[in-house]
Amino acid sequence: MKVLLLDSDRSVGRTLEPELEGAELHAAQGLTEGLRMLGLGSWDLILLDADFSDAGMELLGRLREDGGTPVVLLTSHPSMDLAMEAIRQGAHDVLAKPLPRGRVREIVTGIEEVRRVRPLPADLPPEDVIVGSSAGMMAVFKTIAKAAGSDATVLVLGESGTGKEMVARVLHSRSHRARGQFVAINCAAIPENLLESELFGHEKGAFTGAIGRRIGRFERASGGTLFLDEIGDMSLALQSKILRAIQEREIERVGGNSTVAIDVRIVAATNRDLSAAVREGRFREDLFYRLAVVTLNLPALRERGADLDLLATHLVARYAREHRRPVRGVSEEVFTILHRHPWPGNVRQLRNAMERAVVMAEGEVLLPQHLPAEVVAPQQARAAEEAAEMPLVTLEEMERRMIRRALAETGSNLTVAADRLGIHRNTLRRKIAEYELGEP
């Protein structure tokens, strides 16, 4: 990083040297020299004194017009009016002299982070579009394209949180039934004694509390699509009634004596191994084959490779807009941490993590410290266990272990790790290389 200091006070440069370890600091003490150095090439940061050769504020205006390089205004006479005018003219920050310890280092670190930022997509796809380009998801898209136009029953398999209901909604919206209702029910979330009534409805007086006729989900979905989520948790008795409804295209309300014709497309989903459940007698084989006319396997998030990056940026952009946050990019270190996490909750867990991160972000860049603690928790646990068993060792080994622990607890976020250790980020990089702790 190249830093230009435009200040006649020589002591400022000496103060800055430890704060800018690893950076190139160039200083000019007069206007002629300063203008010459400004014209020599590009600078990553300019530190400009407000009283520099009686032209500091004028220079700030000219630098703003040139654009691109952050300018921090330094002043021995701080005031509200000066700060407001400096910010209006495009100053990155305003610092009073003597300079606050560590503040310039923070500014430099922030600029380095922003330079390693992945921008958010300019346009967001519609809500009913599934984001992904991995081989597994391309196979899913092809199956959806072939099955959507038919009335074939579809069985969606996949771990919890992989987006099975989203697939069902896409199947519905791309079908000739799109103008009909999409009705979803989680078969595992409703008590067994109420599930039959929820599915098929009931007549008045069918049981205690049935004070009137109730229309069930099958009837409500007539002309559209019925999504039966977690169907693998359904009892054998209800399985037989579902089978009859699919085969005969009619249902009987609980407590009723007549049948009701239905015209509904079934999409079922489960995170269970239905083939094993059939072998063990926990799921009807005939229902399994009725449901699995088209089978669609959703890959887990950990199996989708670069889809994780696509999903993360898509979700950050969506939540930034939804929560009216200024986030415009994501630090590359965030993606490094995301790829280390196993994501047992799949896309649902990622969605929660990204929303929380957007809400916690202070500026335009999403940083590792904005992520939920549980994303880095496995590394924290390993580091804590290592620290608890630490015997008496040399200072060099102690330093090595403390650096390793700081990296583990921060997900290898060099900025945060360096702050916790009380050293500069460039010093931490050098120590990592010296102790062979991995790529700095």
Protein backbone atom coordinates (compact mmCIF):
# COMPACT_ATOMS: atom_id res chain seq x y z
CA MET A 1 0.00 0.00 0.00
CA LYS A 2 1.30 3.48 -0.96
CA VAL A 3 0.47 6.30 1.48
CA LEU A 4 1.17 9.99 0.80
CA LEU A 5 1.45 12.39 3.75
CA LEU A 6 0.95 16.07 2.93
CA ASP A 7 1.84 17.75 6.22
CA SER A 8 4.59 20.22 7.21
CA ASP A 9 4.79 18.70 10.71
CA ARG A 10 7.68 16.20 10.61
CA SER A 11 6.58 14.58 13.89
CA VAL A 12 3.41 13.25 12.24
CA GLY A 13 5.46 11.03 9.92
CA ARG A 14 7.39 9.57 12.85
CA THR A 15 4.12 8.88 14.68
CA LEU A 16 2.69 7.12 11.63
CA GLU A 17 5.61 4.78 10.95
CA PRO A 18 4.56 2.05 13.44
CA GLU A 19 0.93 2.41 12.32
CA LEU A 20 1.87 1.86 8.68
CA GLU A 21 4.17 -1.11 9.08
CA GLY A 22 4.47 -2.82 5.70
CA ALA A 23 3.18 0.18 3.76
CA GLU A 24 5.17 2.69 1.71
CA LEU A 25 4.97 6.10 3.41
CA HIS A 26 5.97 9.13 1.32
CA ALA A 27 5.91 12.62 2.81
CA ALA A 28 5.88 16.10 1.30
CA GLN A 29 6.37 19.23 3.40
CA GLY A 30 5.66 21.92 0.84
CA LEU A 31 3.00 22.62 -1.76
CA THR A 32 5.33 22.35 -4.76
CA GLU A 33 6.71 19.01 -3.60
CA GLY A 34 3.21 17.79 -2.71
CA LEU A 35 1.78 18.62 -6.14
CA ARG A 36 4.74 16.93 -7.79
CA MET A 37 4.25 13.75 -5.77
CA LEU A 38 0.51 13.75 -6.43
CA GLY A 39 1.28 13.72 -10.14
CA LEU A 40 3.82 10.89 -9.93
CA GLY A 41 1.31 8.07 -9.79
CA SER A 42 -1.56 6.41 -7.96
CA TRP A 43 -1.85 6.43 -4.17
CA ASP A 44 -3.87 4.08 -1.97
CA LEU A 45 -4.33 6.67 0.81
CA ILE A 46 -3.63 10.39 1.17
CA LEU A 47 -3.22 12.00 4.61
CA LEU A 48 -3.74 15.74 4.15
CA ASP A 49 -3.31 18.43 6.80
CA ALA A 50 -6.06 21.07 6.65
CA ASP A 51 -3.41 23.81 6.98
CA PHE A 52 -0.95 22.31 4.47
CA SER A 53 0.76 25.34 2.86
CA ASP A 54 -2.49 27.28 3.47
CA ALA A 55 -4.08 25.18 0.72
CA GLY A 56 -5.26 22.02 2.49
CA MET A 57 -8.99 22.47 1.96
CA GLU A 58 -8.48 23.61 -1.63
CA LEU A 59 -6.41 20.49 -2.28
CA LEU A 60 -9.15 18.36 -0.74
CA GLY A 61 -11.63 19.73 -3.28
CA ARG A 62 -9.25 19.01 -6.17
CA LEU A 63 -8.57 15.48 -4.96
CA ARG A 64 -12.31 14.84 -4.69
CA GLU A 65 -12.71 15.83 -8.34
CA ASP A 66 -9.93 13.43 -9.33
CA GLY A 67 -11.73 10.73 -7.32
CA GLY A 68 -10.64 7.20 -6.45
CA THR A 69 -8.16 7.73 -3.61
CA PRO A 70 -9.42 8.00 0.00
CA VAL A 71 -8.29 11.25 1.64
CA VAL A 72 -8.08 11.62 5.43
CA LEU A 73 -7.99 15.22 6.64
CA LEU A 74 -5.71 15.98 9.61
CA THR A 75 -6.22 19.08 11.75
CA SER A 76 -4.74 20.75 14.84
CA HIS A 77 -7.96 22.78 15.24
CA PRO A 78 -10.86 20.32 15.07
CA SER A 79 -14.38 21.71 14.96
CA MET A 80 -17.85 20.65 13.91
CA ASP A 81 -17.87 23.05 10.95
CA LEU A 82 -14.52 21.79 9.67
CA ALA A 83 -15.53 18.15 9.99
CA MET A 84 -18.83 18.71 8.20
CA GLU A 85 -17.18 20.69 5.39
CA ALA A 86 -14.47 18.05 4.96
CA ILE A 87 -17.00 15.22 4.72
CA ARG A 88 -19.10 17.30 2.30
CA GLN A 89 -16.02 17.71 0.12
CA GLY A 90 -15.46 13.96 0.07
CA ALA A 91 -12.99 13.29 2.90
CA HIS A 92 -12.85 9.66 3.96
CA ASP A 93 -12.36 10.72 7.61
CA VAL A 94 -11.23 13.67 9.75
CA LEU A 95 -8.61 13.14 12.49
CA ALA A 96 -7.50 15.57 15.17
CA LYS A 97 -3.79 15.98 15.92
CA PRO A 98 -2.09 14.47 17.77
CA LEU A 99 -3.45 11.48 15.89
CA PRO A 100 -5.44 8.93 17.94
CA ARG A 101 -3.35 5.83 18.48
CA GLY A 102 -4.33 2.97 16.18
CA ARG A 103 -6.88 4.97 14.17
CA VAL A 104 -4.77 5.28 11.01
CA ARG A 105 -4.03 1.58 11.19
CA GLU A 106 -7.78 0.90 11.35
CA ILE A 107 -8.36 3.09 8.30
CA VAL A 108 -5.61 1.32 6.34
CA THR A 109 -6.97 -2.08 7.34
CA GLY A 110 -10.44 -1.05 6.23
CA ILE A 111 -9.14 0.11 2.85
CA GLU A 112 -7.26 -3.19 2.40
CA GLU A 113 -10.45 -5.10 3.21
CA VAL A 114 -12.52 -3.07 0.75
CA ARG A 115 -9.99 -3.79 -2.01
CA ARG A 116 -10.69 -7.52 -1.48
CA VAL A 117 -14.43 -7.25 -1.76
CA ARG A 118 -16.80 -9.12 -4.03
CA PRO A 119 -19.60 -6.82 -5.22
CA LEU A 120 -23.24 -7.82 -4.85
CA PRO A 121 -25.29 -8.61 -7.96
CA ALA A 122 -26.90 -5.54 -9.48
CA ASP A 123 -30.18 -7.33 -10.21
CA LEU A 124 -31.99 -9.87 -8.08
CA PRO A 125 -33.88 -12.79 -9.64
CA PRO A 126 -37.58 -13.21 -8.82
CA GLU A 127 -38.52 -14.86 -5.53
CA ASP A 128 -39.47 -18.15 -7.25
CA VAL A 129 -36.08 -18.64 -8.96
CA ILE A 130 -33.70 -21.21 -7.47
CA VAL A 131 -30.11 -19.94 -7.39
CA GLY A 132 -27.36 -22.36 -8.40
CA SER A 133 -25.13 -23.56 -11.22
CA SER A 134 -23.42 -26.67 -9.79
CA ALA A 135 -23.71 -30.02 -11.59
CA GLY A 136 -26.13 -31.31 -8.96
CA MET A 137 -28.43 -28.31 -9.30
CA MET A 138 -28.29 -28.37 -13.10
CA ALA A 139 -29.60 -31.95 -12.91
CA VAL A 140 -32.40 -30.69 -10.63
CA PHE A 141 -33.30 -27.90 -13.10
CA LYS A 142 -33.47 -30.37 -16.01
CA THR A 143 -35.80 -32.65 -14.07
CA ILE A 144 -38.03 -29.73 -13.09
CA ALA A 145 -38.19 -28.60 -16.73
CA LYS A 146 -39.31 -32.04 -17.88
CA ALA A 147 -41.77 -32.68 -15.05
CA ALA A 148 -43.36 -29.24 -14.61
CA GLY A 149 -45.64 -29.42 -17.63
CA SER A 150 -47.16 -32.77 -16.63
CA ASP A 151 -49.45 -33.85 -13.81
CA ALA A 152 -47.02 -36.56 -12.72
CA THR A 153 -46.54 -36.97 -8.98
CA VAL A 154 -43.08 -35.82 -7.87
CA LEU A 155 -41.12 -37.03 -4.85
CA VAL A 156 -38.47 -34.54 -3.68
CA LEU A 157 -35.70 -36.04 -1.55
CA GLY A 158 -33.01 -34.18 0.38
CA GLU A 159 -31.71 -33.18 3.77
CA SER A 160 -33.62 -30.72 5.92
CA GLY A 161 -33.15 -27.15 4.72
CA THR A 162 -32.13 -27.96 1.13
CA GLY A 163 -35.14 -26.16 -0.36
CA LYS A 164 -37.68 -28.89 -1.05
CA GLU A 165 -40.69 -26.58 -0.73
CA MET A 166 -39.02 -24.08 -3.07
CA VAL A 167 -38.75 -26.83 -5.68
CA ALA A 168 -42.44 -27.69 -5.19
CA ARG A 169 -43.40 -24.03 -5.69
CA VAL A 170 -41.33 -23.83 -8.88
CA LEU A 171 -42.96 -27.01 -10.20
CA HIS A 172 -46.34 -25.41 -9.54
CA SER A 173 -45.53 -21.98 -11.00
CA ARG A 174 -44.12 -23.51 -14.19
CA SER A 175 -47.10 -25.85 -14.71
CA HIS A 176 -50.50 -25.40 -16.38
CA ARG A 177 -51.88 -25.34 -12.81
CA ALA A 178 -50.08 -22.08 -11.97
CA ARG A 179 -53.38 -20.17 -11.70
CA GLY A 180 -54.66 -22.67 -9.15
CA GLN A 181 -53.77 -22.79 -5.46
CA PHE A 182 -50.44 -24.01 -4.11
CA VAL A 183 -51.27 -25.60 -0.76
CA ALA A 184 -48.54 -26.89 1.57
CA ILE A 185 -48.76 -28.99 4.71
CA ASN A 186 -46.01 -30.30 6.98
CA CYS A 187 -47.15 -33.80 7.88
CA ALA A 188 -44.70 -34.03 10.79
CA ALA A 189 -45.82 -30.76 12.41
CA ILE A 190 -49.48 -31.69 12.97
CA PRO A 191 -50.59 -34.24 15.61
CA GLU A 192 -51.75 -37.55 14.15
CA ASN A 193 -55.31 -37.14 15.45
CA LEU A 194 -55.66 -33.79 13.63
CA LEU A 195 -53.74 -34.55 10.45
CA GLU A 196 -56.53 -36.53 8.78
CA SER A 197 -58.97 -33.65 9.27
CA GLU A 198 -56.38 -31.17 7.96
CA LEU A 199 -55.89 -33.25 4.83
CA PHE A 200 -59.42 -34.40 4.04
CA GLY A 201 -61.61 -31.99 6.02
CA HIS A 202 -64.53 -32.99 8.24
CA GLU A 203 -68.31 -32.72 8.50
CA LYS A 204 -70.17 -30.98 11.29
CA GLY A 205 -70.35 -33.19 14.37
CA ALA A 206 -67.68 -35.61 13.11
CA PHE A 207 -65.98 -35.37 16.51
CA THR A 208 -66.07 -33.23 19.64
CA GLY A 209 -65.40 -29.64 18.64
CA ALA A 210 -66.42 -30.11 14.98
CA ILE A 211 -69.02 -27.32 15.06
CA GLY A 212 -69.17 -26.96 11.28
CA ARG A 213 -67.94 -28.37 8.00
CA ARG A 214 -64.21 -27.89 7.34
CA ILE A 215 -62.65 -28.05 3.91
CA GLY A 216 -59.34 -29.93 3.92
CA ARG A 217 -56.10 -29.30 2.05
CA PHE A 218 -56.94 -31.72 -0.78
CA GLU A 219 -60.10 -29.80 -1.64
CA ARG A 220 -58.45 -26.41 -1.22
CA ALA A 221 -55.72 -27.46 -3.67
CA SER A 222 -58.15 -28.72 -6.30
CA GLY A 223 -57.10 -27.33 -9.67
CA GLY A 224 -53.64 -26.64 -8.25
CA THR A 225 -50.83 -28.37 -6.38
CA LEU A 226 -50.72 -30.02 -2.94
CA PHE A 227 -47.30 -30.19 -1.31
CA LEU A 228 -47.01 -32.94 1.31
CA ASP A 229 -43.84 -32.14 3.24
CA GLU A 230 -42.20 -34.74 5.52
CA ILE A 231 -44.49 -37.46 4.23
CA GLY A 232 -42.08 -40.07 5.59
CA ASP A 233 -43.36 -39.27 9.11
CA MET A 234 -46.98 -40.20 8.29
CA SER A 235 -48.65 -43.22 9.93
CA LEU A 236 -49.47 -46.33 7.87
CA ALA A 237 -53.20 -45.73 8.37
CA LEU A 238 -53.02 -42.28 6.83
CA GLN A 239 -50.69 -43.53 4.11
CA SER A 240 -53.42 -45.86 2.89
CA LYS A 241 -55.92 -42.97 2.69
CA ILE A 242 -53.43 -40.82 0.78
CA LEU A 243 -52.89 -43.72 -1.63
CA ARG A 244 -56.62 -44.05 -2.24
CA ALA A 245 -56.97 -40.28 -2.83
CA ILE A 246 -54.20 -40.37 -5.44
CA GLN A 247 -55.53 -43.50 -7.16
CA GLU A 248 -59.25 -42.67 -7.17
CA ARG A 249 -58.94 -38.87 -7.38
CA GLU A 250 -61.52 -38.53 -4.65
CA ILE A 251 -61.62 -38.16 -0.87
CA GLU A 252 -64.06 -38.56 1.99
CA ARG A 253 -64.28 -35.93 4.69
CA VAL A 254 -64.00 -37.21 8.26
CA GLY A 255 -67.51 -38.08 9.42
CA GLY A 256 -68.88 -37.89 5.86
CA ASN A 257 -70.79 -40.51 3.89
CA SER A 258 -70.11 -39.33 0.35
CA THR A 259 -67.01 -38.89 -1.79
CA VAL A 260 -65.69 -35.59 -3.10
CA ALA A 261 -63.93 -35.50 -6.48
CA ILE A 262 -60.56 -33.75 -6.51
CA ASP A 263 -58.27 -32.51 -9.28
CA VAL A 264 -54.91 -32.02 -7.64
CA ARG A 265 -51.25 -32.55 -8.49
CA ILE A 266 -49.22 -34.09 -5.65
CA VAL A 267 -45.64 -33.10 -4.81
CA ALA A 268 -44.30 -34.93 -1.76
CA ALA A 269 -41.02 -34.45 0.10
CA THR A 270 -39.01 -36.09 2.85
CA ASN A 271 -35.55 -36.07 4.38
CA ARG A 272 -35.88 -39.76 5.25
CA ASP A 273 -34.71 -42.80 3.28
CA LEU A 274 -38.07 -44.05 2.02
CA SER A 275 -36.55 -47.12 0.36
CA ALA A 276 -35.23 -48.24 3.75
CA ALA A 277 -38.58 -47.38 5.37
CA VAL A 278 -40.35 -49.61 2.80
CA ARG A 279 -37.98 -52.51 3.55
CA GLU A 280 -38.58 -52.07 7.29
CA GLY A 281 -42.37 -51.94 6.85
CA ARG A 282 -42.71 -48.31 8.00
CA PHE A 283 -43.82 -46.97 4.63
CA ARG A 284 -46.22 -48.53 2.14
CA GLU A 285 -44.47 -49.80 -0.97
CA ASP A 286 -47.47 -49.09 -3.22
CA LEU A 287 -47.64 -45.48 -2.00
CA PHE A 288 -43.90 -45.07 -2.51
CA TYR A 289 -44.20 -46.04 -6.17
CA ARG A 290 -47.24 -43.80 -6.61
CA LEU A 291 -45.31 -40.84 -5.23
CA ALA A 292 -42.01 -41.56 -7.00
CA VAL A 293 -43.24 -41.31 -10.58
CA VAL A 294 -40.61 -38.57 -10.84
CA THR A 295 -37.90 -38.53 -8.17
CA LEU A 296 -35.83 -35.43 -7.59
CA ASN A 297 -32.75 -35.49 -5.34
CA LEU A 298 -31.66 -32.16 -3.90
CA PRO A 299 -27.93 -32.02 -3.04
CA ALA A 300 -26.79 -30.78 0.35
CA LEU A 301 -25.23 -27.30 0.42
CA ARG A 302 -21.79 -28.76 1.23
CA GLU A 303 -21.97 -30.70 -2.07
CA ARG A 304 -22.79 -27.67 -4.23
CA GLY A 305 -19.32 -26.08 -4.44
CA ALA A 306 -19.37 -22.53 -5.81
CA ASP A 307 -23.16 -22.37 -5.38
CA LEU A 308 -22.37 -21.35 -1.80
CA ASP A 309 -20.83 -18.10 -3.06
CA LEU A 310 -23.75 -17.44 -5.43
CA LEU A 311 -26.30 -18.07 -2.71
CA ALA A 312 -24.45 -15.96 -0.13
CA THR A 313 -24.15 -12.89 -2.37
CA HIS A 314 -27.75 -13.33 -3.56
CA LEU A 315 -29.03 -13.52 0.03
CA VAL A 316 -26.92 -10.57 1.21
CA ALA A 317 -28.26 -8.44 -1.66
CA ARG A 318 -31.84 -9.47 -0.93
CA TYR A 319 -31.62 -8.82 2.81
CA ALA A 320 -29.72 -5.54 2.33
CA ARG A 321 -32.63 -4.32 0.26
CA GLU A 322 -35.26 -5.80 2.58
CA HIS A 323 -33.73 -4.31 5.74
CA ARG A 324 -32.60 -1.09 4.02
CA ARG A 325 -28.93 -1.63 4.88
CA PRO A 326 -26.06 0.03 2.93
CA VAL A 327 -24.14 -3.24 2.26
CA ARG A 328 -22.78 -3.29 -1.29
CA GLY A 329 -20.10 -5.99 -1.16
CA VAL A 330 -18.78 -9.01 0.75
CA SER A 331 -15.19 -9.44 1.95
CA GLU A 332 -13.36 -12.38 0.37
CA GLU A 333 -12.48 -13.58 3.89
CA VAL A 334 -16.19 -14.14 4.51
CA PHE A 335 -16.32 -16.68 1.70
CA THR A 336 -13.25 -18.46 3.11
CA ILE A 337 -15.07 -18.89 6.42
CA LEU A 338 -18.34 -19.94 4.77
CA HIS A 339 -16.58 -22.71 2.84
CA ARG A 340 -15.06 -24.09 6.05
CA HIS A 341 -18.44 -24.53 7.70
CA PRO A 342 -20.26 -27.88 7.17
CA TRP A 343 -23.74 -26.26 6.98
CA PRO A 344 -25.78 -29.04 8.61
CA GLY A 345 -28.88 -26.85 8.19
CA ASN A 346 -28.12 -26.33 4.49
CA VAL A 347 -29.64 -23.36 2.62
CA ARG A 348 -32.05 -22.58 5.47
CA GLN A 349 -29.10 -22.15 7.86
CA LEU A 350 -27.17 -20.06 5.31
CA ARG A 351 -30.22 -17.82 4.83
CA ASN A 352 -30.42 -17.22 8.58
CA ALA A 353 -26.67 -16.52 8.83
CA MET A 354 -26.68 -14.03 5.95
CA GLU A 355 -29.70 -12.15 7.25
CA ARG A 356 -28.09 -11.83 10.68
CA ALA A 357 -24.82 -10.66 9.11
CA VAL A 358 -26.56 -7.98 7.04
CA VAL A 359 -28.41 -6.67 10.09
CA MET A 360 -25.16 -6.52 12.12
CA ALA A 361 -23.03 -4.90 9.38
CA GLU A 362 -22.09 -1.28 10.08
CA GLY A 363 -20.88 -0.16 6.66
CA GLU A 364 -20.93 -1.01 2.97
CA VAL A 365 -18.82 -4.17 3.29
CA LEU A 366 -19.90 -7.41 4.98
CA LEU A 367 -16.94 -8.58 7.11
CA PRO A 368 -16.20 -11.85 8.98
CA GLN A 369 -17.02 -10.29 12.36
CA HIS A 370 -20.62 -9.81 11.19
CA LEU A 371 -21.16 -13.57 10.81
CA PRO A 372 -22.93 -15.55 13.57
CA ALA A 373 -20.62 -17.13 16.16
CA GLU A 374 -21.82 -20.67 15.37
CA VAL A 375 -20.32 -20.48 11.88
CA VAL A 376 -16.86 -20.51 13.50
CA ALA A 377 -17.81 -22.51 16.62
CA PRO A 378 -16.12 -25.85 15.68
CA GLN A 379 -12.75 -24.11 15.37
CA GLN A 380 -13.28 -22.29 18.67
CA ALA A 381 -13.98 -25.57 20.47
CA ARG A 382 -10.81 -27.16 19.07
CA ALA A 383 -8.70 -24.14 20.07
CA ALA A 384 -10.16 -24.09 23.61
CA GLU A 385 -9.39 -27.80 24.06
CA GLU A 386 -5.83 -27.25 22.86
CA ALA A 387 -5.36 -24.32 25.27
CA ALA A 388 -6.68 -26.32 28.25
CA GLU A 389 -4.04 -29.02 27.76
CA MET A 390 -1.16 -26.60 27.16
CA PRO A 391 1.96 -27.54 29.22
CA LEU A 392 4.77 -25.14 30.16
CA VAL A 393 6.56 -24.22 26.90
CA THR A 394 9.01 -21.68 25.48
CA LEU A 395 7.85 -18.15 24.70
CA GLU A 396 8.29 -18.89 20.98
CA GLU A 397 6.01 -21.92 21.19
CA MET A 398 3.54 -19.95 23.30
CA GLU A 399 3.42 -17.25 20.60
CA ARG A 400 2.92 -19.87 17.90
CA ARG A 401 0.00 -21.40 19.81
CA MET A 402 -1.61 -18.06 20.58
CA ILE A 403 -1.48 -17.10 16.90
CA ARG A 404 -2.95 -20.45 15.90
CA ARG A 405 -5.71 -20.02 18.48
CA ALA A 406 -6.47 -16.45 17.33
CA LEU A 407 -6.73 -17.65 13.73
CA ALA A 408 -9.02 -20.50 14.75
CA GLU A 409 -11.32 -18.34 16.85
CA THR A 410 -11.68 -15.69 14.13
CA GLY A 411 -11.98 -18.02 11.16
CA SER A 412 -8.53 -16.87 9.91
CA ASN A 413 -9.72 -13.26 9.74
CA LEU A 414 -6.31 -11.58 9.90
CA THR A 415 -7.73 -8.18 10.77
CA VAL A 416 -9.68 -9.36 13.82
CA ALA A 417 -6.96 -11.83 14.86
CA ALA A 418 -4.33 -9.09 14.77
CA ASP A 419 -6.51 -6.77 16.86
CA ARG A 420 -7.07 -9.48 19.48
CA LEU A 421 -3.33 -10.17 19.67
CA GLY A 422 -2.52 -6.45 19.84
CA ILE A 423 -0.24 -6.48 16.78
CA HIS A 424 -0.43 -5.09 13.24
CA ARG A 425 -1.94 -7.24 10.52
CA ASN A 426 1.33 -7.22 8.54
CA THR A 427 3.22 -8.38 11.64
CA LEU A 428 0.73 -11.24 11.97
CA ARG A 429 1.29 -12.17 8.32
CA ARG A 430 5.05 -12.32 8.94
CA LYS A 431 4.60 -14.45 12.06
CA ILE A 432 2.31 -16.88 10.22
CA ALA A 433 4.97 -17.36 7.56
CA GLU A 434 7.74 -17.63 10.17
CA TYR A 435 5.92 -20.31 12.14
CA GLU A 436 4.64 -22.05 8.99
CA LEU A 437 1.00 -21.81 10.07
CA GLY A 438 -0.35 -21.79 6.52
CA GLU A 439 -0.91 -19.17 3.86
CA PRO A 440 -0.90 -15.69 5.49
